[in-house]
Amino acid sequence: MADLDLTTHRGLWLCVLGADALELLPTDGIGWLGVDLQHGVYDVAHLPGLLRVAQVPVLARAASQDPGHLARVLDTGVAGVIVPGVESPADVESLVAAVRFPPEGRRSTGLTRAVLVGGPERPLLLPMVETRGALETVEEIAAVPGVDGLFVGPYDLSLSLGRPGVTDADVVAGIARVREVTRERGLLAGAFSAHRELDPQLPADLDLVAVDTDITALRQGVAGLLGG
């Protein structure tokens, strides 16, 4: 398992910050960074620069489940991948094959940054629970060998359930169910929680909590400076 300091479970979600800005960012109280390749401005080529200046472990939310894309993300040396769009245990079995070296999977190796500079021998694999299909089969998904934990996307989950709004009772219950299942399996559980109204309803023992995005932090910081 990647060396994450889970005594500091709070993380910051990066969508726009470049390496120069990240290097200056205070990280006291932050245990990890999430780099968003799905909805952020980044592509795989941005990861080495961010990793060089990051003072805490970096998890990358992949842009897709494509095996080639996942391999390139892991070749940079990130601590692990958070993978969106999961619908079923079969999806997760394919992810395990893509991110694990033989005999557990089919990932290949080479003269990559992860090998030459340093990366975890076994990076974290965190499929996202953000669809009705994933929530309805969460027990089977958690049972797939090679999975390290599950990461909830509350807003996409609410849309998939037809109940837009992160504080809807079904969404809150779904997050609690994910925590229950992961606890039973000894897996990590995480969630995106940059929603102030959701925070009090999250399970208290989540291992990974993305408490804010760089975009929101920047906007609020400037607004506060200007008295807005």
Protein backbone atom coordinates (compact mmCIF):
# COMPACT_ATOMS: atom_id res chain seq x y z
CA MET A 1 0.00 0.00 0.00
CA ALA A 2 1.26 3.49 -0.76
CA ASP A 3 2.74 5.40 2.16
CA LEU A 4 -0.13 7.70 3.07
CA ASP A 5 -0.24 9.30 6.49
CA LEU A 6 -3.77 8.33 7.40
CA THR A 7 -3.53 10.12 10.72
CA THR A 8 -4.00 13.21 8.55
CA HIS A 9 -6.87 12.12 6.36
CA ARG A 10 -7.73 15.54 4.95
CA GLY A 11 -6.68 16.21 1.38
CA LEU A 12 -6.81 19.10 -1.07
CA TRP A 13 -8.24 18.53 -4.55
CA LEU A 14 -6.23 20.17 -7.33
CA CYS A 15 -7.97 21.31 -10.51
CA VAL A 16 -5.95 24.27 -11.79
CA LEU A 17 -2.80 24.94 -9.73
CA GLY A 18 0.51 24.49 -11.53
CA ALA A 19 3.74 23.23 -9.99
CA ASP A 20 5.08 26.74 -9.32
CA ALA A 21 2.01 27.66 -7.25
CA LEU A 22 1.83 24.26 -5.55
CA GLU A 23 5.41 24.61 -4.35
CA LEU A 24 4.42 27.72 -2.38
CA LEU A 25 1.23 26.23 -0.93
CA PRO A 26 1.20 25.58 2.83
CA THR A 27 0.37 21.95 3.52
CA ASP A 28 0.12 21.93 7.33
CA GLY A 29 -2.84 19.74 8.18
CA ILE A 30 -3.01 18.25 4.68
CA GLY A 31 -2.20 14.56 4.37
CA TRP A 32 -2.51 14.13 0.61
CA LEU A 33 -3.28 15.85 -2.67
CA GLY A 34 -5.71 14.76 -5.35
CA VAL A 35 -4.87 15.78 -8.92
CA ASP A 36 -7.96 15.80 -11.12
CA LEU A 37 -7.21 14.56 -14.63
CA GLN A 38 -10.93 14.07 -15.32
CA HIS A 39 -12.30 17.58 -14.73
CA GLY A 40 -9.15 19.59 -14.04
CA VAL A 41 -6.83 21.28 -16.54
CA TYR A 42 -4.19 18.57 -16.22
CA ASP A 43 -3.02 15.76 -18.43
CA VAL A 44 -0.47 13.06 -17.62
CA ALA A 45 2.43 15.29 -18.66
CA HIS A 46 1.67 17.67 -15.76
CA LEU A 47 2.08 14.99 -13.09
CA PRO A 48 5.91 14.78 -12.86
CA GLY A 49 6.20 18.51 -12.19
CA LEU A 50 3.50 18.41 -9.52
CA LEU A 51 5.10 15.36 -7.91
CA ARG A 52 8.50 17.04 -7.73
CA VAL A 53 7.19 19.87 -5.55
CA ALA A 54 4.42 18.11 -3.61
CA GLN A 55 5.24 17.74 0.08
CA VAL A 56 2.62 15.03 0.65
CA PRO A 57 1.53 11.93 -1.30
CA VAL A 58 -0.34 12.54 -4.55
CA LEU A 59 -3.37 10.58 -5.74
CA ALA A 60 -4.50 11.12 -9.33
CA ARG A 61 -8.11 10.90 -10.40
CA ALA A 62 -7.79 9.29 -13.79
CA ALA A 63 -9.54 10.73 -16.81
CA SER A 64 -10.93 7.33 -17.80
CA GLN A 65 -10.69 3.59 -17.25
CA ASP A 66 -8.55 3.12 -20.36
CA PRO A 67 -5.68 0.71 -19.46
CA GLY A 68 -3.12 2.68 -21.46
CA HIS A 69 -4.08 5.90 -19.70
CA LEU A 70 -3.94 4.27 -16.27
CA ALA A 71 -0.50 2.83 -17.00
CA ARG A 72 0.86 6.22 -18.02
CA VAL A 73 -0.55 7.82 -14.88
CA LEU A 74 1.08 5.19 -12.67
CA ASP A 75 4.36 5.44 -14.58
CA THR A 76 4.75 8.97 -13.18
CA GLY A 77 5.04 7.61 -9.63
CA VAL A 78 1.78 8.77 -8.06
CA ALA A 79 0.76 7.13 -4.80
CA GLY A 80 -2.38 5.76 -6.39
CA VAL A 81 -5.29 6.25 -8.76
CA ILE A 82 -8.91 7.16 -8.11
CA VAL A 83 -10.88 5.81 -11.06
CA PRO A 84 -14.26 7.26 -12.15
CA GLY A 85 -17.25 5.79 -13.91
CA VAL A 86 -17.30 2.36 -12.28
CA GLU A 87 -20.58 0.52 -12.78
CA SER A 88 -19.89 -3.09 -11.81
CA PRO A 89 -17.48 -5.65 -10.36
CA ALA A 90 -16.45 -6.50 -13.93
CA ASP A 91 -15.25 -2.91 -14.37
CA VAL A 92 -13.13 -3.23 -11.25
CA GLU A 93 -11.66 -6.55 -12.34
CA SER A 94 -10.52 -4.81 -15.53
CA LEU A 95 -8.99 -2.00 -13.46
CA VAL A 96 -7.03 -4.46 -11.34
CA ALA A 97 -5.66 -6.06 -14.50
CA ALA A 98 -4.61 -2.64 -15.78
CA VAL A 99 -2.83 -1.34 -12.66
CA ARG A 100 -1.22 -4.46 -11.19
CA PHE A 101 1.94 -6.17 -12.40
CA PRO A 102 1.84 -9.91 -13.21
CA PRO A 103 0.76 -12.29 -11.88
CA GLU A 104 -1.97 -10.13 -10.32
CA GLY A 105 -2.53 -8.05 -13.45
CA ARG A 106 -1.18 -7.17 -16.87
CA ARG A 107 0.59 -3.86 -16.28
CA SER A 108 3.97 -3.67 -17.99
CA THR A 109 7.11 -1.98 -16.70
CA GLY A 110 9.81 0.13 -18.30
CA LEU A 111 12.31 2.94 -17.72
CA THR A 112 9.66 5.20 -16.27
CA ARG A 113 9.74 7.93 -13.63
CA ALA A 114 8.14 5.50 -11.18
CA VAL A 115 11.10 3.13 -11.67
CA LEU A 116 14.00 5.57 -12.03
CA VAL A 117 12.96 8.34 -9.63
CA GLY A 118 10.72 6.43 -7.29
CA GLY A 119 7.13 5.40 -6.95
CA PRO A 120 5.22 2.95 -4.76
CA GLU A 121 5.76 -0.71 -5.54
CA ARG A 122 2.01 -1.22 -5.23
CA PRO A 123 0.08 2.01 -5.81
CA LEU A 124 -3.39 2.38 -4.39
CA LEU A 125 -6.38 1.45 -6.54
CA LEU A 126 -9.49 3.35 -5.46
CA PRO A 127 -12.51 2.80 -7.73
CA MET A 128 -15.14 5.51 -7.39
CA VAL A 129 -18.66 4.87 -6.18
CA GLU A 130 -20.55 7.56 -8.06
CA THR A 131 -23.17 5.59 -10.00
CA ARG A 132 -26.28 3.63 -9.10
CA GLY A 133 -24.65 0.49 -10.50
CA ALA A 134 -21.59 0.84 -8.29
CA LEU A 135 -23.67 1.52 -5.18
CA GLU A 136 -25.98 -1.44 -5.82
CA THR A 137 -23.01 -3.81 -6.22
CA VAL A 138 -20.69 -2.22 -3.66
CA GLU A 139 -20.27 -5.46 -1.69
CA GLU A 140 -19.16 -7.36 -4.80
CA ILE A 141 -16.90 -4.48 -5.91
CA ALA A 142 -15.20 -4.39 -2.50
CA ALA A 143 -14.61 -8.14 -2.72
CA VAL A 144 -12.57 -7.92 -5.95
CA PRO A 145 -8.96 -8.89 -5.12
CA GLY A 146 -6.52 -6.05 -5.74
CA VAL A 147 -8.78 -3.19 -4.62
CA ASP A 148 -7.39 -1.01 -1.81
CA GLY A 149 -10.48 1.07 -1.10
CA LEU A 150 -13.45 2.97 -2.51
CA PHE A 151 -13.87 6.70 -3.08
CA VAL A 152 -17.33 8.30 -3.20
CA GLY A 153 -18.26 11.12 -5.57
CA PRO A 154 -21.38 12.46 -3.81
CA TYR A 155 -22.69 14.81 -6.47
CA ASP A 156 -22.38 12.42 -9.40
CA LEU A 157 -23.90 9.74 -7.19
CA SER A 158 -26.86 11.99 -6.46
CA LEU A 159 -27.37 12.58 -10.19
CA SER A 160 -27.16 8.87 -10.95
CA LEU A 161 -29.75 8.16 -8.26
CA GLY A 162 -32.03 10.81 -9.73
CA ARG A 163 -31.82 12.78 -6.48
CA PRO A 164 -29.65 15.84 -7.23
CA GLY A 165 -28.16 17.30 -4.08
CA VAL A 166 -25.37 15.94 -1.95
CA THR A 167 -27.42 16.00 1.26
CA ASP A 168 -30.29 13.90 -0.08
CA ALA A 169 -31.04 11.08 2.35
CA ASP A 170 -30.31 8.38 -0.24
CA VAL A 171 -26.90 9.89 -0.98
CA VAL A 172 -25.96 10.18 2.70
CA ALA A 173 -27.13 6.60 3.26
CA GLY A 174 -25.10 5.48 0.25
CA ILE A 175 -21.92 7.02 1.64
CA ALA A 176 -22.56 5.35 4.99
CA ARG A 177 -23.06 2.03 3.22
CA VAL A 178 -19.74 2.37 1.40
CA ARG A 179 -18.00 3.06 4.72
CA GLU A 180 -19.70 0.04 6.30
CA VAL A 181 -18.65 -2.28 3.48
CA THR A 182 -15.06 -1.04 3.38
CA ARG A 183 -14.77 -1.33 7.14
CA GLU A 184 -15.91 -4.95 6.97
CA ARG A 185 -13.31 -5.66 4.26
CA GLY A 186 -10.47 -3.75 5.86
CA LEU A 187 -10.35 -1.33 2.93
CA LEU A 188 -9.87 2.42 2.76
CA ALA A 189 -12.87 4.69 2.32
CA GLY A 190 -12.78 8.20 0.95
CA ALA A 191 -15.10 10.91 -0.28
CA PHE A 192 -15.10 14.28 -1.94
CA SER A 193 -16.58 16.59 0.67
CA ALA A 194 -16.08 20.14 -0.56
CA HIS A 195 -19.74 20.75 0.26
CA ARG A 196 -20.11 22.46 3.63
CA GLU A 197 -23.63 21.17 4.07
CA LEU A 198 -22.47 17.57 3.57
CA ASP A 199 -19.49 17.58 5.93
CA PRO A 200 -21.44 17.03 9.18
CA GLN A 201 -23.20 14.02 7.65
CA LEU A 202 -20.08 12.16 6.52
CA PRO A 203 -18.96 9.09 8.49
CA ALA A 204 -16.45 10.28 11.06
CA ASP A 205 -13.97 7.50 10.31
CA LEU A 206 -13.39 8.09 6.59
CA ASP A 207 -9.73 7.54 5.72
CA LEU A 208 -9.51 10.08 2.89
CA VAL A 209 -11.56 13.26 2.74
CA ALA A 210 -11.04 15.87 0.02
CA VAL A 211 -12.00 18.90 2.07
CA ASP A 212 -11.76 21.51 -0.68
CA THR A 213 -10.62 22.28 -4.21
CA ASP A 214 -7.88 24.71 -5.13
CA ILE A 215 -10.46 26.69 -7.12
CA THR A 216 -12.74 27.20 -4.13
CA ALA A 217 -9.83 27.99 -1.83
CA LEU A 218 -8.54 30.63 -4.26
CA ARG A 219 -11.97 32.20 -4.75
CA GLN A 220 -12.71 32.33 -1.03
CA GLY A 221 -9.24 33.66 -0.25
CA VAL A 222 -9.52 36.51 -2.73
CA ALA A 223 -13.09 37.27 -1.66
CA GLY A 224 -12.00 37.40 1.97
CA LEU A 225 -9.08 39.65 1.13
CA LEU A 226 -11.35 42.05 -0.70
CA GLY A 227 -14.06 41.89 1.93
CA GLY A 228 -16.48 40.05 -0.36
